[in-house]
Amino acid sequence: MTLAPETTDLKVQLALDDDWFTVCDLSTLLPGRGVAALLPDGRQAAVFRDRSGELFAIDNRDPFTGAAVLSRGLTGSHQGRPFVASPLLKQRFDLASGQCLDDEAVQVTTYKVRTA
């Protein structure tokens, strides 16, 4: 079965400093898949939409390898907490807090996300 693409004019925005930055159309985000967004300062964010429609954004850089790949990771949940697993070394990062679930000393930046 093929689903019709969602049509919406909603934009996904991240909170950066004192302003909101538009990163993509909401329809670009498929549940369970991430997209990478280039931020004005040159960093990248990994933006996700879970199956319930909730939006998350974390730093796209894997702190274990330095590669900008978290947007390509596999999503899942652990004890009710949504996470993304790095496609390289498979460490899992909580999408809400940025905390690494496999090494409590490691955390990635999270961003507030909204649709507008």
C-alpha atoms as a PDB file:
ATOM      1  CA  MET A   1       0.000   0.000   0.000  1.00  0.00           C
ATOM      2  CA  THR A   2       1.268   3.466  -0.869  1.00  0.00           C
ATOM      3  CA  LEU A   3       0.337   6.355   1.379  1.00  0.00           C
ATOM      4  CA  ALA A   4      -0.410   9.754  -0.086  1.00  0.00           C
ATOM      5  CA  PRO A   5       2.132  12.375   0.981  1.00  0.00           C
ATOM      6  CA  GLU A   6       1.006  14.592   3.800  1.00  0.00           C
ATOM      7  CA  THR A   7       0.179  18.088   2.607  1.00  0.00           C
ATOM      8  CA  THR A   8       0.800  20.924   5.003  1.00  0.00           C
ATOM      9  CA  ASP A   9       2.177  24.425   5.014  1.00  0.00           C
ATOM     10  CA  LEU A  10       3.749  23.901   8.433  1.00  0.00           C
ATOM     11  CA  LYS A  11       7.461  24.548   8.830  1.00  0.00           C
ATOM     12  CA  VAL A  12       9.741  22.914  11.389  1.00  0.00           C
ATOM     13  CA  GLN A  13      11.718  25.475  13.370  1.00  0.00           C
ATOM     14  CA  LEU A  14      14.548  25.223  15.906  1.00  0.00           C
ATOM     15  CA  ALA A  15      15.202  27.682  18.720  1.00  0.00           C
ATOM     16  CA  LEU A  16      18.612  29.302  18.180  1.00  0.00           C
ATOM     17  CA  ASP A  17      19.680  31.992  20.633  1.00  0.00           C
ATOM     18  CA  ASP A  18      16.709  34.411  20.787  1.00  0.00           C
ATOM     19  CA  ASP A  19      15.060  33.486  17.486  1.00  0.00           C
ATOM     20  CA  TRP A  20      13.485  30.592  15.587  1.00  0.00           C
ATOM     21  CA  PHE A  21      15.215  29.161  12.526  1.00  0.00           C
ATOM     22  CA  THR A  22      13.208  27.328   9.857  1.00  0.00           C
ATOM     23  CA  VAL A  23      14.857  24.047   8.840  1.00  0.00           C
ATOM     24  CA  CYS A  24      12.321  22.227   6.639  1.00  0.00           C
ATOM     25  CA  ASP A  25       8.684  21.544   5.816  1.00  0.00           C
ATOM     26  CA  LEU A  26       6.930  19.252   8.286  1.00  0.00           C
ATOM     27  CA  SER A  27       6.034  16.925   5.406  1.00  0.00           C
ATOM     28  CA  THR A  28       9.780  16.303   4.858  1.00  0.00           C
ATOM     29  CA  LEU A  29      10.018  14.451   8.171  1.00  0.00           C
ATOM     30  CA  LEU A  30       8.955  10.836   7.883  1.00  0.00           C
ATOM     31  CA  PRO A  31       8.206   9.114  11.199  1.00  0.00           C
ATOM     32  CA  GLY A  32      11.211   7.167  12.394  1.00  0.00           C
ATOM     33  CA  ARG A  33      13.627   8.829   9.937  1.00  0.00           C
ATOM     34  CA  GLY A  34      15.902  11.817  10.500  1.00  0.00           C
ATOM     35  CA  VAL A  35      17.002  14.731   8.361  1.00  0.00           C
ATOM     36  CA  ALA A  36      20.122  16.850   8.697  1.00  0.00           C
ATOM     37  CA  ALA A  37      19.761  20.622   8.806  1.00  0.00           C
ATOM     38  CA  LEU A  38      22.595  23.088   8.278  1.00  0.00           C
ATOM     39  CA  LEU A  39      22.430  25.854  10.878  1.00  0.00           C
ATOM     40  CA  PRO A  40      23.541  29.478  10.287  1.00  0.00           C
ATOM     41  CA  ASP A  41      26.723  29.006  12.344  1.00  0.00           C
ATOM     42  CA  GLY A  42      27.816  25.979  10.277  1.00  0.00           C
ATOM     43  CA  ARG A  43      26.781  23.310  12.767  1.00  0.00           C
ATOM     44  CA  GLN A  44      24.277  20.622  11.836  1.00  0.00           C
ATOM     45  CA  ALA A  45      21.169  19.453  13.645  1.00  0.00           C
ATOM     46  CA  ALA A  46      19.514  16.055  13.273  1.00  0.00           C
ATOM     47  CA  VAL A  47      15.724  16.497  13.245  1.00  0.00           C
ATOM     48  CA  PHE A  48      13.317  13.620  13.910  1.00  0.00           C
ATOM     49  CA  ARG A  49       9.585  13.006  13.981  1.00  0.00           C
ATOM     50  CA  ASP A  50       8.466   9.973  15.938  1.00  0.00           C
ATOM     51  CA  ARG A  51       5.484   7.784  15.089  1.00  0.00           C
ATOM     52  CA  SER A  52       3.216   9.802  17.413  1.00  0.00           C
ATOM     53  CA  GLY A  53       4.178  13.025  15.586  1.00  0.00           C
ATOM     54  CA  GLU A  54       6.429  14.472  18.294  1.00  0.00           C
ATOM     55  CA  LEU A  55       9.437  16.422  17.009  1.00  0.00           C
ATOM     56  CA  PHE A  56      13.009  16.221  18.313  1.00  0.00           C
ATOM     57  CA  ALA A  57      16.286  17.854  17.328  1.00  0.00           C
ATOM     58  CA  ILE A  58      19.804  17.056  18.503  1.00  0.00           C
ATOM     59  CA  ASP A  59      23.313  17.837  17.305  1.00  0.00           C
ATOM     60  CA  ASN A  60      24.059  15.776  14.188  1.00  0.00           C
ATOM     61  CA  ARG A  61      27.693  15.152  15.167  1.00  0.00           C
ATOM     62  CA  ASP A  62      28.430  11.777  16.723  1.00  0.00           C
ATOM     63  CA  PRO A  63      30.689  12.635  19.697  1.00  0.00           C
ATOM     64  CA  PHE A  64      32.431   9.250  19.512  1.00  0.00           C
ATOM     65  CA  THR A  65      33.605   9.563  15.896  1.00  0.00           C
ATOM     66  CA  GLY A  66      33.209  13.265  15.066  1.00  0.00           C
ATOM     67  CA  ALA A  67      31.175  12.382  11.959  1.00  0.00           C
ATOM     68  CA  ALA A  68      27.921  14.231  11.204  1.00  0.00           C
ATOM     69  CA  VAL A  69      25.762  11.106  10.944  1.00  0.00           C
ATOM     70  CA  LEU A  70      23.172  10.981  13.734  1.00  0.00           C
ATOM     71  CA  SER A  71      20.396  12.031  11.337  1.00  0.00           C
ATOM     72  CA  ARG A  72      21.026   8.728   9.513  1.00  0.00           C
ATOM     73  CA  GLY A  73      20.748   6.598  12.642  1.00  0.00           C
ATOM     74  CA  LEU A  74      18.114   4.055  13.558  1.00  0.00           C
ATOM     75  CA  THR A  75      15.381   5.247  15.904  1.00  0.00           C
ATOM     76  CA  GLY A  76      13.738   3.273  18.655  1.00  0.00           C
ATOM     77  CA  SER A  77      12.762   3.505  22.294  1.00  0.00           C
ATOM     78  CA  HIS A  78      14.278   2.254  25.529  1.00  0.00           C
ATOM     79  CA  GLN A  79      12.141   2.216  28.667  1.00  0.00           C
ATOM     80  CA  GLY A  80       9.709   4.575  26.949  1.00  0.00           C
ATOM     81  CA  ARG A  81      12.445   7.048  25.947  1.00  0.00           C
ATOM     82  CA  PRO A  82      12.888   7.732  22.211  1.00  0.00           C
ATOM     83  CA  PHE A  83      16.465   7.410  20.971  1.00  0.00           C
ATOM     84  CA  VAL A  84      18.586   7.380  17.842  1.00  0.00           C
ATOM     85  CA  ALA A  85      21.458   4.921  17.480  1.00  0.00           C
ATOM     86  CA  SER A  86      24.517   6.196  15.667  1.00  0.00           C
ATOM     87  CA  PRO A  87      24.954   4.365  12.357  1.00  0.00           C
ATOM     88  CA  LEU A  88      28.702   4.032  13.013  1.00  0.00           C
ATOM     89  CA  LEU A  89      29.378   2.644  16.487  1.00  0.00           C
ATOM     90  CA  LYS A  90      25.713   2.188  17.527  1.00  0.00           C
ATOM     91  CA  GLN A  91      25.727   4.323  20.701  1.00  0.00           C
ATOM     92  CA  ARG A  92      22.166   5.414  21.512  1.00  0.00           C
ATOM     93  CA  PHE A  93      21.214   9.041  22.246  1.00  0.00           C
ATOM     94  CA  ASP A  94      18.017  10.045  24.006  1.00  0.00           C
ATOM     95  CA  LEU A  95      16.177  12.366  21.606  1.00  0.00           C
ATOM     96  CA  ALA A  96      14.592  14.417  24.395  1.00  0.00           C
ATOM     97  CA  SER A  97      17.665  15.000  26.575  1.00  0.00           C
ATOM     98  CA  GLY A  98      20.638  14.245  24.305  1.00  0.00           C
ATOM     99  CA  GLN A  99      22.039  11.875  26.943  1.00  0.00           C
ATOM    100  CA  CYS A 100      23.987   8.893  25.628  1.00  0.00           C
ATOM    101  CA  LEU A 101      22.223   5.782  26.926  1.00  0.00           C
ATOM    102  CA  ASP A 102      25.426   3.737  26.637  1.00  0.00           C
ATOM    103  CA  ASP A 103      27.878   6.153  28.297  1.00  0.00           C
ATOM    104  CA  GLU A 104      26.460   8.532  30.895  1.00  0.00           C
ATOM    105  CA  ALA A 105      29.481  10.837  30.604  1.00  0.00           C
ATOM    106  CA  VAL A 106      28.505  11.759  27.018  1.00  0.00           C
ATOM    107  CA  GLN A 107      25.681  14.030  25.884  1.00  0.00           C
ATOM    108  CA  VAL A 108      24.798  15.854  22.652  1.00  0.00           C
ATOM    109  CA  THR A 109      23.120  19.244  22.346  1.00  0.00           C
ATOM    110  CA  THR A 110      19.338  19.299  22.037  1.00  0.00           C
ATOM    111  CA  TYR A 111      17.217  22.002  20.426  1.00  0.00           C
ATOM    112  CA  LYS A 112      13.693  23.155  21.134  1.00  0.00           C
ATOM    113  CA  VAL A 113      11.504  22.395  18.134  1.00  0.00           C
ATOM    114  CA  ARG A 114       8.154  23.776  16.991  1.00  0.00           C
ATOM    115  CA  THR A 115       5.969  23.954  13.920  1.00  0.00           C
ATOM    116  CA  ALA A 116       4.817  27.289  12.602  1.00  0.00           C
END
